[in-house]
Amino acid sequence: AVKQEVAELRRTVSESRLILEAGWQPVSENDPIVAFFDGSKTDDSTAIVGCRVSDGYCFLIGVWQKPKGEAGKTWKAPRAAVDTRVNQMFDRFNVVAFWGDPSHAKDDEEDEASYWMPMLDKWMQKYKDVLDPKHWPVKSGLRKHAVNFDMTSADRTKAFIEAAEQTVEDFETLNDIEEFEPTFQIDGHPVLVTHLKNAIKHYDPRGWGISLTKEGKDSPRKIDAAVCLVGARMLRRIVLNLHEEETEDEGEIWF
């Protein structure tokens, strides 16, 4: 029985990997992409979504979700597995910008250390020479960082809300015969699609616009991959605008 369970687990993992990497196939190793990471610790999911800079194609790079039942009671997002996937991402894709929101989860209830910041620092140190400083979320000062994008600041919250509104508009674009014809494509991964469907409108109380949220704090209907999709599209726009300025100033051709 144990052998059968192990064999079934291996088969499930293999199938999941094939489904995931099927969404990677349209992206060549030379296509510039951006990626956005949203880290959680126990209840919410942890995810990474990539976005091809040239056309906005979005695809799931990784997602880690709490299992159901007894296993979920002690589950924590697997930092080592996420780290392995990030390394694989940089090996497989031409990553020009990578931002991550570490959340406020603590490593231990009695410890003030962040659950994810050590990992973001590790990625910063390893890939800072790959990631163009023009694309860093924090470009100067004592908090300078190539990856860390803490969404709690007002400016970043506003930028994310703007990206969320634009994403909805792009999904709901109509063609000449009033049929939905989104201006960008996604890979169709079932988790990404589910998280997009789970997301509901959130009217920012400060009047900054309409963002997305889950239906309740403890809801099992997670939206973290959808958050990453919005973040990746936000980052793509920032990168494109920076390069548009460079092209105007220097006459460079990026693609």
C-alpha atoms as a PDB file:
ATOM      1  CA  ALA A   1       0.000   0.000   0.000  1.00  0.00           C
ATOM      2  CA  VAL A   2       2.844   2.371   0.836  1.00  0.00           C
ATOM      3  CA  LYS A   3       4.519   1.632  -2.511  1.00  0.00           C
ATOM      4  CA  GLN A   4       1.239   2.350  -4.299  1.00  0.00           C
ATOM      5  CA  GLU A   5       0.856   5.659  -2.457  1.00  0.00           C
ATOM      6  CA  VAL A   6       4.434   6.673  -3.316  1.00  0.00           C
ATOM      7  CA  ALA A   7       3.922   5.697  -6.961  1.00  0.00           C
ATOM      8  CA  GLU A   8       0.667   7.687  -7.100  1.00  0.00           C
ATOM      9  CA  LEU A   9       2.365  10.715  -5.548  1.00  0.00           C
ATOM     10  CA  ARG A  10       5.200  10.533  -8.089  1.00  0.00           C
ATOM     11  CA  ARG A  11       2.692  10.241 -10.941  1.00  0.00           C
ATOM     12  CA  THR A  12       0.745  13.252  -9.650  1.00  0.00           C
ATOM     13  CA  VAL A  13       3.907  15.325  -9.276  1.00  0.00           C
ATOM     14  CA  SER A  14       5.047  14.348 -12.771  1.00  0.00           C
ATOM     15  CA  GLU A  15       1.681  15.258 -14.296  1.00  0.00           C
ATOM     16  CA  SER A  16       1.602  18.578 -12.427  1.00  0.00           C
ATOM     17  CA  ARG A  17       5.063  19.436 -13.707  1.00  0.00           C
ATOM     18  CA  LEU A  18       4.079  18.611 -17.295  1.00  0.00           C
ATOM     19  CA  ILE A  19       0.988  20.837 -17.021  1.00  0.00           C
ATOM     20  CA  LEU A  20       3.063  23.657 -15.546  1.00  0.00           C
ATOM     21  CA  GLU A  21       5.838  23.508 -18.117  1.00  0.00           C
ATOM     22  CA  ALA A  22       3.367  23.284 -21.003  1.00  0.00           C
ATOM     23  CA  GLY A  23       2.639  26.952 -20.319  1.00  0.00           C
ATOM     24  CA  TRP A  24       6.343  27.717 -20.601  1.00  0.00           C
ATOM     25  CA  GLN A  25       6.706  26.308 -24.099  1.00  0.00           C
ATOM     26  CA  PRO A  26       5.583  29.435 -26.037  1.00  0.00           C
ATOM     27  CA  VAL A  27       8.361  31.429 -24.339  1.00  0.00           C
ATOM     28  CA  SER A  28      11.807  31.019 -25.854  1.00  0.00           C
ATOM     29  CA  GLU A  29      14.953  31.261 -23.762  1.00  0.00           C
ATOM     30  CA  ASN A  30      15.711  34.583 -25.468  1.00  0.00           C
ATOM     31  CA  ASP A  31      12.366  36.264 -24.821  1.00  0.00           C
ATOM     32  CA  PRO A  32      12.735  38.940 -22.112  1.00  0.00           C
ATOM     33  CA  ILE A  33      10.306  38.236 -19.273  1.00  0.00           C
ATOM     34  CA  VAL A  34       9.457  39.760 -15.917  1.00  0.00           C
ATOM     35  CA  ALA A  35       8.265  37.772 -12.911  1.00  0.00           C
ATOM     36  CA  PHE A  36       6.384  38.568  -9.714  1.00  0.00           C
ATOM     37  CA  PHE A  37       6.500  36.586  -6.456  1.00  0.00           C
ATOM     38  CA  ASP A  38       3.920  36.692  -3.658  1.00  0.00           C
ATOM     39  CA  GLY A  39       5.046  34.950  -0.488  1.00  0.00           C
ATOM     40  CA  SER A  40       2.854  33.514   2.251  1.00  0.00           C
ATOM     41  CA  LYS A  41       3.629  31.178   5.124  1.00  0.00           C
ATOM     42  CA  THR A  42       0.787  28.868   6.142  1.00  0.00           C
ATOM     43  CA  ASP A  43      -2.746  29.629   4.930  1.00  0.00           C
ATOM     44  CA  ASP A  44      -2.500  31.587   1.692  1.00  0.00           C
ATOM     45  CA  SER A  45      -0.679  30.247  -1.344  1.00  0.00           C
ATOM     46  CA  THR A  46       2.784  31.264  -2.472  1.00  0.00           C
ATOM     47  CA  ALA A  47       3.150  31.845  -6.204  1.00  0.00           C
ATOM     48  CA  ILE A  48       5.322  33.164  -9.022  1.00  0.00           C
ATOM     49  CA  VAL A  49       3.900  34.359 -12.356  1.00  0.00           C
ATOM     50  CA  GLY A  50       5.934  35.345 -15.397  1.00  0.00           C
ATOM     51  CA  CYS A  51       4.994  37.799 -18.124  1.00  0.00           C
ATOM     52  CA  ARG A  52       6.628  38.048 -21.555  1.00  0.00           C
ATOM     53  CA  VAL A  53       7.602  41.644 -22.153  1.00  0.00           C
ATOM     54  CA  SER A  54       6.937  41.654 -25.895  1.00  0.00           C
ATOM     55  CA  ASP A  55       3.215  40.795 -25.806  1.00  0.00           C
ATOM     56  CA  GLY A  56       2.155  40.405 -22.162  1.00  0.00           C
ATOM     57  CA  TYR A  57       1.655  36.628 -22.274  1.00  0.00           C
ATOM     58  CA  CYS A  58       1.326  35.489 -18.631  1.00  0.00           C
ATOM     59  CA  PHE A  59       2.237  32.056 -17.321  1.00  0.00           C
ATOM     60  CA  LEU A  60       2.510  30.311 -13.971  1.00  0.00           C
ATOM     61  CA  ILE A  61       6.091  29.611 -12.911  1.00  0.00           C
ATOM     62  CA  GLY A  62       5.248  28.060  -9.571  1.00  0.00           C
ATOM     63  CA  VAL A  63       2.543  27.750  -6.922  1.00  0.00           C
ATOM     64  CA  TRP A  64       2.627  26.144  -3.491  1.00  0.00           C
ATOM     65  CA  GLN A  65      -0.684  25.583  -1.693  1.00  0.00           C
ATOM     66  CA  LYS A  66      -1.704  24.244   1.677  1.00  0.00           C
ATOM     67  CA  PRO A  67      -2.893  20.631   1.359  1.00  0.00           C
ATOM     68  CA  LYS A  68      -6.289  19.601   2.646  1.00  0.00           C
ATOM     69  CA  GLY A  69      -6.867  17.606   5.806  1.00  0.00           C
ATOM     70  CA  GLU A  70      -4.384  16.810   8.572  1.00  0.00           C
ATOM     71  CA  ALA A  71      -1.355  17.616   6.432  1.00  0.00           C
ATOM     72  CA  GLY A  72      -2.529  21.190   6.085  1.00  0.00           C
ATOM     73  CA  LYS A  73      -2.572  21.842   9.834  1.00  0.00           C
ATOM     74  CA  THR A  74       1.226  21.932  10.115  1.00  0.00           C
ATOM     75  CA  TRP A  75       2.046  22.937   6.549  1.00  0.00           C
ATOM     76  CA  LYS A  76       4.375  25.838   5.799  1.00  0.00           C
ATOM     77  CA  ALA A  77       5.299  27.185   2.386  1.00  0.00           C
ATOM     78  CA  PRO A  78       8.421  25.230   1.349  1.00  0.00           C
ATOM     79  CA  ARG A  79      11.169  27.835   1.068  1.00  0.00           C
ATOM     80  CA  ALA A  80      13.717  25.359  -0.276  1.00  0.00           C
ATOM     81  CA  ALA A  81      11.367  24.264  -3.080  1.00  0.00           C
ATOM     82  CA  VAL A  82      10.562  27.877  -3.944  1.00  0.00           C
ATOM     83  CA  ASP A  83      14.276  28.699  -4.012  1.00  0.00           C
ATOM     84  CA  THR A  84      14.880  25.774  -6.367  1.00  0.00           C
ATOM     85  CA  ARG A  85      12.120  27.009  -8.672  1.00  0.00           C
ATOM     86  CA  VAL A  86      13.550  30.552  -8.723  1.00  0.00           C
ATOM     87  CA  ASN A  87      16.945  29.152  -9.705  1.00  0.00           C
ATOM     88  CA  GLN A  88      15.249  27.106 -12.420  1.00  0.00           C
ATOM     89  CA  MET A  89      13.434  30.236 -13.604  1.00  0.00           C
ATOM     90  CA  PHE A  90      16.677  32.125 -14.077  1.00  0.00           C
ATOM     91  CA  ASP A  91      18.233  29.128 -15.849  1.00  0.00           C
ATOM     92  CA  ARG A  92      15.259  28.652 -18.188  1.00  0.00           C
ATOM     93  CA  PHE A  93      14.168  32.223 -18.943  1.00  0.00           C
ATOM     94  CA  ASN A  94      15.678  35.582 -19.839  1.00  0.00           C
ATOM     95  CA  VAL A  95      14.539  37.351 -16.658  1.00  0.00           C
ATOM     96  CA  VAL A  96      15.020  41.116 -16.894  1.00  0.00           C
ATOM     97  CA  ALA A  97      13.107  42.053 -13.731  1.00  0.00           C
ATOM     98  CA  PHE A  98      11.918  40.053 -10.725  1.00  0.00           C
ATOM     99  CA  TRP A  99       9.944  41.601  -7.860  1.00  0.00           C
ATOM    100  CA  GLY A 100       8.622  39.883  -4.777  1.00  0.00           C
ATOM    101  CA  ASP A 101       6.301  40.831  -1.931  1.00  0.00           C
ATOM    102  CA  PRO A 102       7.613  39.052   1.198  1.00  0.00           C
ATOM    103  CA  SER A 103       4.404  39.588   3.243  1.00  0.00           C
ATOM    104  CA  HIS A 104       4.655  40.221   6.984  1.00  0.00           C
ATOM    105  CA  ALA A 105       4.811  36.575   8.042  1.00  0.00           C
ATOM    106  CA  LYS A 106       7.358  35.897  10.759  1.00  0.00           C
ATOM    107  CA  ASP A 107       9.712  32.925  10.788  1.00  0.00           C
ATOM    108  CA  ASP A 108       8.621  32.059  14.313  1.00  0.00           C
ATOM    109  CA  GLU A 109       5.892  33.394  16.569  1.00  0.00           C
ATOM    110  CA  GLU A 110       8.490  34.425  19.146  1.00  0.00           C
ATOM    111  CA  ASP A 111      10.956  35.756  16.587  1.00  0.00           C
ATOM    112  CA  GLU A 112      10.659  39.036  14.674  1.00  0.00           C
ATOM    113  CA  ALA A 113      12.625  37.667  11.724  1.00  0.00           C
ATOM    114  CA  SER A 114      10.753  37.661   8.424  1.00  0.00           C
ATOM    115  CA  TYR A 115       9.789  34.316   6.905  1.00  0.00           C
ATOM    116  CA  TRP A 116      10.674  35.392   3.349  1.00  0.00           C
ATOM    117  CA  MET A 117      13.139  38.302   3.526  1.00  0.00           C
ATOM    118  CA  PRO A 118      16.226  36.085   3.945  1.00  0.00           C
ATOM    119  CA  MET A 119      15.224  34.331   0.738  1.00  0.00           C
ATOM    120  CA  LEU A 120      14.670  37.612  -1.114  1.00  0.00           C
ATOM    121  CA  ASP A 121      18.083  38.771   0.099  1.00  0.00           C
ATOM    122  CA  LYS A 122      19.591  35.531  -1.188  1.00  0.00           C
ATOM    123  CA  TRP A 123      18.027  36.079  -4.622  1.00  0.00           C
ATOM    124  CA  MET A 124      19.227  39.687  -4.577  1.00  0.00           C
ATOM    125  CA  GLN A 125      22.808  38.633  -3.879  1.00  0.00           C
ATOM    126  CA  LYS A 126      22.753  35.837  -6.430  1.00  0.00           C
ATOM    127  CA  TYR A 127      21.043  37.614  -9.325  1.00  0.00           C
ATOM    128  CA  LYS A 128      21.794  41.332  -8.819  1.00  0.00           C
ATOM    129  CA  ASP A 129      24.250  41.249 -11.744  1.00  0.00           C
ATOM    130  CA  VAL A 130      21.597  39.706 -13.995  1.00  0.00           C
ATOM    131  CA  LEU A 131      18.798  42.109 -13.102  1.00  0.00           C
ATOM    132  CA  ASP A 132      19.237  45.590 -14.587  1.00  0.00           C
ATOM    133  CA  PRO A 133      19.462  48.166 -11.756  1.00  0.00           C
ATOM    134  CA  LYS A 134      16.980  50.333 -13.703  1.00  0.00           C
ATOM    135  CA  HIS A 135      14.389  47.643 -12.967  1.00  0.00           C
ATOM    136  CA  TRP A 136      15.074  47.261  -9.252  1.00  0.00           C
ATOM    137  CA  PRO A 137      12.107  48.070  -6.977  1.00  0.00           C
ATOM    138  CA  VAL A 138      14.370  50.038  -4.606  1.00  0.00           C
ATOM    139  CA  LYS A 139      17.152  51.727  -6.566  1.00  0.00           C
ATOM    140  CA  SER A 140      18.993  53.677  -3.884  1.00  0.00           C
ATOM    141  CA  GLY A 141      19.467  54.261  -0.164  1.00  0.00           C
ATOM    142  CA  LEU A 142      20.025  51.865   2.690  1.00  0.00           C
ATOM    143  CA  ARG A 143      17.070  49.718   1.572  1.00  0.00           C
ATOM    144  CA  LYS A 144      18.309  49.330  -2.022  1.00  0.00           C
ATOM    145  CA  HIS A 145      17.128  45.978  -3.333  1.00  0.00           C
ATOM    146  CA  ALA A 146      16.879  44.143  -6.660  1.00  0.00           C
ATOM    147  CA  VAL A 147      13.857  42.039  -5.645  1.00  0.00           C
ATOM    148  CA  ASN A 148      12.041  43.263  -2.522  1.00  0.00           C
ATOM    149  CA  PHE A 149       8.744  44.985  -3.379  1.00  0.00           C
ATOM    150  CA  ASP A 150       6.837  45.537  -0.155  1.00  0.00           C
ATOM    151  CA  MET A 151       3.296  46.439  -1.232  1.00  0.00           C
ATOM    152  CA  THR A 152       2.402  48.159   2.036  1.00  0.00           C
ATOM    153  CA  SER A 153       3.667  51.596   0.975  1.00  0.00           C
ATOM    154  CA  ALA A 154       1.137  54.059  -0.445  1.00  0.00           C
ATOM    155  CA  ASP A 155       2.887  54.547  -3.794  1.00  0.00           C
ATOM    156  CA  ARG A 156       3.187  50.823  -4.380  1.00  0.00           C
ATOM    157  CA  THR A 157      -0.390  50.173  -3.369  1.00  0.00           C
ATOM    158  CA  LYS A 158      -1.551  52.810  -5.845  1.00  0.00           C
ATOM    159  CA  ALA A 159       0.603  51.309  -8.605  1.00  0.00           C
ATOM    160  CA  PHE A 160      -0.816  47.855  -7.939  1.00  0.00           C
ATOM    161  CA  ILE A 161      -4.416  49.094  -7.916  1.00  0.00           C
ATOM    162  CA  GLU A 162      -3.816  50.852 -11.229  1.00  0.00           C
ATOM    163  CA  ALA A 163      -2.420  47.616 -12.660  1.00  0.00           C
ATOM    164  CA  ALA A 164      -5.407  45.646 -11.341  1.00  0.00           C
ATOM    165  CA  GLU A 165      -7.855  48.008 -13.043  1.00  0.00           C
ATOM    166  CA  GLN A 166      -5.889  47.835 -16.294  1.00  0.00           C
ATOM    167  CA  THR A 167      -5.816  44.031 -16.135  1.00  0.00           C
ATOM    168  CA  VAL A 168      -9.601  43.855 -15.806  1.00  0.00           C
ATOM    169  CA  GLU A 169      -9.984  46.301 -18.688  1.00  0.00           C
ATOM    170  CA  ASP A 170      -7.650  44.234 -20.868  1.00  0.00           C
ATOM    171  CA  PHE A 171      -9.480  41.006 -19.995  1.00  0.00           C
ATOM    172  CA  GLU A 172     -12.848  42.573 -20.824  1.00  0.00           C
ATOM    173  CA  THR A 173     -11.900  44.197 -24.126  1.00  0.00           C
ATOM    174  CA  LEU A 174     -14.587  43.723 -26.781  1.00  0.00           C
ATOM    175  CA  ASN A 175     -14.031  43.235 -30.500  1.00  0.00           C
ATOM    176  CA  ASP A 176     -16.068  44.758 -33.344  1.00  0.00           C
ATOM    177  CA  ILE A 177     -18.956  42.327 -32.832  1.00  0.00           C
ATOM    178  CA  GLU A 178     -19.113  42.871 -29.061  1.00  0.00           C
ATOM    179  CA  GLU A 179     -17.399  39.601 -28.129  1.00  0.00           C
ATOM    180  CA  PHE A 180     -14.759  39.434 -25.415  1.00  0.00           C
ATOM    181  CA  GLU A 181     -11.298  39.557 -26.959  1.00  0.00           C
ATOM    182  CA  PRO A 182      -8.623  40.071 -24.267  1.00  0.00           C
ATOM    183  CA  THR A 183      -5.576  42.045 -25.319  1.00  0.00           C
ATOM    184  CA  PHE A 184      -3.209  39.454 -23.808  1.00  0.00           C
ATOM    185  CA  GLN A 185      -3.122  35.700 -23.279  1.00  0.00           C
ATOM    186  CA  ILE A 186      -2.517  33.474 -20.275  1.00  0.00           C
ATOM    187  CA  ASP A 187      -1.252  29.902 -20.174  1.00  0.00           C
ATOM    188  CA  GLY A 188      -4.543  28.468 -18.889  1.00  0.00           C
ATOM    189  CA  HIS A 189      -2.982  26.646 -15.942  1.00  0.00           C
ATOM    190  CA  PRO A 190      -5.896  25.421 -13.782  1.00  0.00           C
ATOM    191  CA  VAL A 191      -4.564  27.006 -10.567  1.00  0.00           C
ATOM    192  CA  LEU A 192      -4.008  30.377 -12.233  1.00  0.00           C
ATOM    193  CA  VAL A 193      -7.488  30.272 -13.778  1.00  0.00           C
ATOM    194  CA  THR A 194      -9.046  29.261 -10.453  1.00  0.00           C
ATOM    195  CA  HIS A 195      -7.314  32.065  -8.558  1.00  0.00           C
ATOM    196  CA  LEU A 196      -8.464  34.590 -11.167  1.00  0.00           C
ATOM    197  CA  LYS A 197     -12.037  33.349 -10.805  1.00  0.00           C
ATOM    198  CA  ASN A 198     -11.797  33.485  -7.001  1.00  0.00           C
ATOM    199  CA  ALA A 199     -10.753  37.146  -6.969  1.00  0.00           C
ATOM    200  CA  ILE A 200     -13.472  39.687  -6.204  1.00  0.00           C
ATOM    201  CA  LYS A 201     -13.485  43.469  -6.523  1.00  0.00           C
ATOM    202  CA  HIS A 202     -12.130  45.492  -3.643  1.00  0.00           C
ATOM    203  CA  TYR A 203     -12.959  49.182  -3.514  1.00  0.00           C
ATOM    204  CA  ASP A 204     -10.029  50.890  -1.847  1.00  0.00           C
ATOM    205  CA  PRO A 205     -11.342  52.907   1.142  1.00  0.00           C
ATOM    206  CA  ARG A 206      -8.906  55.726   0.345  1.00  0.00           C
ATOM    207  CA  GLY A 207     -10.480  56.196  -3.058  1.00  0.00           C
ATOM    208  CA  TRP A 208      -7.458  54.967  -4.986  1.00  0.00           C
ATOM    209  CA  GLY A 209      -9.478  52.664  -7.222  1.00  0.00           C
ATOM    210  CA  ILE A 210     -10.600  49.048  -7.484  1.00  0.00           C
ATOM    211  CA  SER A 211      -8.216  46.237  -6.616  1.00  0.00           C
ATOM    212  CA  LEU A 212      -8.797  42.534  -5.948  1.00  0.00           C
ATOM    213  CA  THR A 213      -9.276  40.513  -2.785  1.00  0.00           C
ATOM    214  CA  LYS A 214     -10.481  37.107  -1.650  1.00  0.00           C
ATOM    215  CA  GLU A 215     -13.995  36.637  -0.324  1.00  0.00           C
ATOM    216  CA  GLY A 216     -12.887  36.502   3.321  1.00  0.00           C
ATOM    217  CA  LYS A 217      -9.784  36.461   5.495  1.00  0.00           C
ATOM    218  CA  ASP A 218      -9.901  32.702   6.082  1.00  0.00           C
ATOM    219  CA  SER A 219     -11.469  31.757   2.762  1.00  0.00           C
ATOM    220  CA  PRO A 220     -10.091  28.587   1.136  1.00  0.00           C
ATOM    221  CA  ARG A 221     -10.677  30.243  -2.255  1.00  0.00           C
ATOM    222  CA  LYS A 222      -7.177  31.614  -2.796  1.00  0.00           C
ATOM    223  CA  ILE A 223      -6.188  34.407  -5.193  1.00  0.00           C
ATOM    224  CA  ASP A 224      -2.405  34.625  -4.806  1.00  0.00           C
ATOM    225  CA  ALA A 225      -1.570  33.568  -8.371  1.00  0.00           C
ATOM    226  CA  ALA A 226      -3.984  36.263  -9.600  1.00  0.00           C
ATOM    227  CA  VAL A 227      -2.153  38.812  -7.448  1.00  0.00           C
ATOM    228  CA  CYS A 228       1.108  37.701  -9.062  1.00  0.00           C
ATOM    229  CA  LEU A 229      -0.396  38.072 -12.540  1.00  0.00           C
ATOM    230  CA  VAL A 230      -1.374  41.672 -11.791  1.00  0.00           C
ATOM    231  CA  GLY A 231       2.056  42.311 -10.292  1.00  0.00           C
ATOM    232  CA  ALA A 232       3.822  40.847 -13.319  1.00  0.00           C
ATOM    233  CA  ARG A 233       1.765  42.978 -15.695  1.00  0.00           C
ATOM    234  CA  MET A 234       2.516  46.050 -13.575  1.00  0.00           C
ATOM    235  CA  LEU A 235       6.229  45.260 -13.763  1.00  0.00           C
ATOM    236  CA  ARG A 236       6.063  44.691 -17.525  1.00  0.00           C
ATOM    237  CA  ARG A 237       4.568  48.157 -18.004  1.00  0.00           C
ATOM    238  CA  ILE A 238       7.283  49.723 -15.870  1.00  0.00           C
ATOM    239  CA  VAL A 239      10.020  47.970 -17.857  1.00  0.00           C
ATOM    240  CA  LEU A 240       8.457  48.919 -21.201  1.00  0.00           C
ATOM    241  CA  ASN A 241       8.116  52.564 -20.195  1.00  0.00           C
ATOM    242  CA  LEU A 242      11.748  52.705 -19.074  1.00  0.00           C
ATOM    243  CA  HIS A 243      12.947  51.246 -22.350  1.00  0.00           C
ATOM    244  CA  GLU A 244      10.671  53.529 -24.349  1.00  0.00           C
ATOM    245  CA  GLU A 245      12.392  56.484 -22.686  1.00  0.00           C
ATOM    246  CA  GLU A 246      15.798  54.995 -23.529  1.00  0.00           C
ATOM    247  CA  THR A 247      14.778  54.420 -27.145  1.00  0.00           C
ATOM    248  CA  GLU A 248      13.671  58.042 -27.487  1.00  0.00           C
ATOM    249  CA  ASP A 249      16.892  59.291 -25.906  1.00  0.00           C
ATOM    250  CA  GLU A 250      19.411  56.965 -27.523  1.00  0.00           C
ATOM    251  CA  GLY A 251      17.722  55.468 -30.551  1.00  0.00           C
ATOM    252  CA  GLU A 252      18.184  51.947 -29.186  1.00  0.00           C
ATOM    253  CA  ILE A 253      16.192  48.917 -30.312  1.00  0.00           C
ATOM    254  CA  TRP A 254      15.555  46.546 -27.438  1.00  0.00           C
ATOM    255  CA  PHE A 255      13.789  43.591 -29.052  1.00  0.00           C
END
